[in-house]
C-alpha cells in the first residue's frame, strides 16, 4: 500500500514511542508520580501534531519559493516582451 493511500489513517504509537514518552514523563514528575495512559497519549499526540506542523511548514516554504521563482520568470518575460515591442 502506498503512503498516499493511508495518509488519512491515524498512526499508532510503537512500543519504543511509549517507552520513550514514559521515560520523559518519569523525568518530569520524578519517581513518585504515576502517569497514566492518557498522559502518555497526550504527549504522543502533541509530538504527532508538531511533526505534521513541520511537514506543512516545509511544504509551504517550498511552494512559496516556487511562486517567487515563477514571479521572477514572469517579470523577466514581461520585460523582454516590452523591450521587443519598443525595439521593433
C-alpha atoms as a PDB file:
ATOM      1  CA  UNK A   1       0.000   0.000   0.000  1.00  0.00           C
ATOM      2  CA  UNK A   2       1.319   3.456  -0.882  1.00  0.00           C
ATOM      3  CA  UNK A   3       1.835   6.165   1.728  1.00  0.00           C
ATOM      4  CA  UNK A   4      -0.783   8.275  -0.051  1.00  0.00           C
ATOM      5  CA  UNK A   5      -3.402   5.501   0.286  1.00  0.00           C
ATOM      6  CA  UNK A   6      -3.307   5.506   4.091  1.00  0.00           C
ATOM      7  CA  UNK A   7      -2.483   9.186   4.693  1.00  0.00           C
ATOM      8  CA  UNK A   8      -5.883   9.709   6.325  1.00  0.00           C
ATOM      9  CA  UNK A   9      -5.378   6.907   8.850  1.00  0.00           C
ATOM     10  CA  UNK A  10      -4.223   7.667  12.356  1.00  0.00           C
ATOM     11  CA  UNK A  11      -0.872   6.044  13.142  1.00  0.00           C
ATOM     12  CA  UNK A  12      -0.437   4.100  16.356  1.00  0.00           C
ATOM     13  CA  UNK A  13       2.407   4.645  18.797  1.00  0.00           C
ATOM     14  CA  UNK A  14       5.054   1.955  18.781  1.00  0.00           C
ATOM     15  CA  UNK A  15       6.314   0.257  21.923  1.00  0.00           C
ATOM     16  CA  UNK A  16       9.513   2.282  21.584  1.00  0.00           C
ATOM     17  CA  UNK A  17       7.486   5.526  21.457  1.00  0.00           C
ATOM     18  CA  UNK A  18       5.602   4.552  24.593  1.00  0.00           C
ATOM     19  CA  UNK A  19       8.804   3.683  26.489  1.00  0.00           C
ATOM     20  CA  UNK A  20      10.456   6.933  25.413  1.00  0.00           C
ATOM     21  CA  UNK A  21       7.438   9.009  26.452  1.00  0.00           C
ATOM     22  CA  UNK A  22       7.156   7.191  29.790  1.00  0.00           C
ATOM     23  CA  UNK A  23      10.833   7.991  30.434  1.00  0.00           C
ATOM     24  CA  UNK A  24      10.178  11.653  29.660  1.00  0.00           C
ATOM     25  CA  UNK A  25       7.184  11.741  31.996  1.00  0.00           C
ATOM     26  CA  UNK A  26       9.163   9.967  34.723  1.00  0.00           C
ATOM     27  CA  UNK A  27      11.932  12.566  34.321  1.00  0.00           C
ATOM     28  CA  UNK A  28       9.393  15.377  34.624  1.00  0.00           C
ATOM     29  CA  UNK A  29       7.426  14.020  37.568  1.00  0.00           C
ATOM     30  CA  UNK A  30      10.064  12.088  39.411  1.00  0.00           C
ATOM     31  CA  UNK A  31       9.885   8.531  40.718  1.00  0.00           C
ATOM     32  CA  UNK A  32       6.859   9.166  42.967  1.00  0.00           C
ATOM     33  CA  UNK A  33       4.444  10.384  40.290  1.00  0.00           C
ATOM     34  CA  UNK A  34       2.277   7.886  38.476  1.00  0.00           C
ATOM     35  CA  UNK A  35       1.443   8.804  34.893  1.00  0.00           C
ATOM     36  CA  UNK A  36      -1.418   7.091  33.139  1.00  0.00           C
ATOM     37  CA  UNK A  37      -2.146   6.083  29.577  1.00  0.00           C
ATOM     38  CA  UNK A  38      -3.948   9.378  28.935  1.00  0.00           C
ATOM     39  CA  UNK A  39      -0.852  11.449  29.692  1.00  0.00           C
ATOM     40  CA  UNK A  40       1.270   9.167  27.510  1.00  0.00           C
ATOM     41  CA  UNK A  41      -1.223   9.513  24.678  1.00  0.00           C
ATOM     42  CA  UNK A  42      -1.356  13.299  25.152  1.00  0.00           C
ATOM     43  CA  UNK A  43       2.414  13.587  24.744  1.00  0.00           C
ATOM     44  CA  UNK A  44       2.384  11.313  21.701  1.00  0.00           C
ATOM     45  CA  UNK A  45      -0.431  13.327  20.069  1.00  0.00           C
ATOM     46  CA  UNK A  46       1.480  16.548  20.705  1.00  0.00           C
ATOM     47  CA  UNK A  47       4.563  15.025  19.047  1.00  0.00           C
ATOM     48  CA  UNK A  48       2.496  13.920  16.037  1.00  0.00           C
ATOM     49  CA  UNK A  49       0.955  17.383  15.742  1.00  0.00           C
ATOM     50  CA  UNK A  50       4.392  19.014  15.863  1.00  0.00           C
ATOM     51  CA  UNK A  51       5.593  16.627  13.145  1.00  0.00           C
ATOM     52  CA  UNK A  52       2.576  17.466  10.976  1.00  0.00           C
ATOM     53  CA  UNK A  53       3.159  21.184  11.538  1.00  0.00           C
ATOM     54  CA  UNK A  54       6.805  20.856  10.460  1.00  0.00           C
ATOM     55  CA  UNK A  55       5.791  18.984   7.306  1.00  0.00           C
ATOM     56  CA  UNK A  56       3.151  21.595   6.483  1.00  0.00           C
ATOM     57  CA  UNK A  57       5.596  24.436   7.064  1.00  0.00           C
ATOM     58  CA  UNK A  58       8.156  22.746   4.817  1.00  0.00           C
ATOM     59  CA  UNK A  59       5.588  22.308   2.041  1.00  0.00           C
ATOM     60  CA  UNK A  60       4.518  25.926   2.393  1.00  0.00           C
ATOM     61  CA  UNK A  61       8.137  27.107   2.249  1.00  0.00           C
ATOM     62  CA  UNK A  62       8.809  25.116  -0.930  1.00  0.00           C
ATOM     63  CA  UNK A  63       5.584  26.335  -2.525  1.00  0.00           C
ATOM     64  CA  UNK A  64       6.408  29.939  -1.642  1.00  0.00           C
ATOM     65  CA  UNK A  65       9.848  29.686  -3.235  1.00  0.00           C
ATOM     66  CA  UNK A  66       8.298  28.131  -6.344  1.00  0.00           C
ATOM     67  CA  UNK A  67       5.956  31.112  -6.581  1.00  0.00           C
ATOM     68  CA  UNK A  68       8.871  33.520  -6.141  1.00  0.00           C
ATOM     69  CA  UNK A  69      10.798  31.828  -8.957  1.00  0.00           C
ATOM     70  CA  UNK A  70       7.710  31.825 -11.202  1.00  0.00           C
ATOM     71  CA  UNK A  71       7.105  35.506 -10.477  1.00  0.00           C
ATOM     72  CA  UNK A  72      10.698  36.414 -11.323  1.00  0.00           C
ATOM     73  CA  UNK A  73      10.375  34.416 -14.543  1.00  0.00           C
ATOM     74  CA  UNK A  74       7.195  36.254 -15.467  1.00  0.00           C
ATOM     75  CA  UNK A  75       8.798  39.612 -14.724  1.00  0.00           C
ATOM     76  CA  UNK A  76      11.733  38.751 -16.976  1.00  0.00           C
ATOM     77  CA  UNK A  77       9.420  37.580 -19.764  1.00  0.00           C
ATOM     78  CA  UNK A  78       7.299  40.700 -19.453  1.00  0.00           C
ATOM     79  CA  UNK A  79      10.415  42.868 -19.564  1.00  0.00           C
ATOM     80  CA  UNK A  80      11.584  41.002 -22.655  1.00  0.00           C
ATOM     81  CA  UNK A  81       8.227  41.489 -24.358  1.00  0.00           C
ATOM     82  CA  UNK A  82       8.251  45.211 -23.560  1.00  0.00           C
ATOM     83  CA  UNK A  83      11.792  45.512 -24.881  1.00  0.00           C
ATOM     84  CA  UNK A  84      10.872  43.582 -28.043  1.00  0.00           C
ATOM     85  CA  UNK A  85       7.821  45.775 -28.595  1.00  0.00           C
ATOM     86  CA  UNK A  86       9.773  49.021 -28.378  1.00  0.00           C
ATOM     87  CA  UNK A  87      12.736  47.662 -30.349  1.00  0.00           C
ATOM     88  CA  UNK A  88      10.532  46.721 -33.300  1.00  0.00           C
END
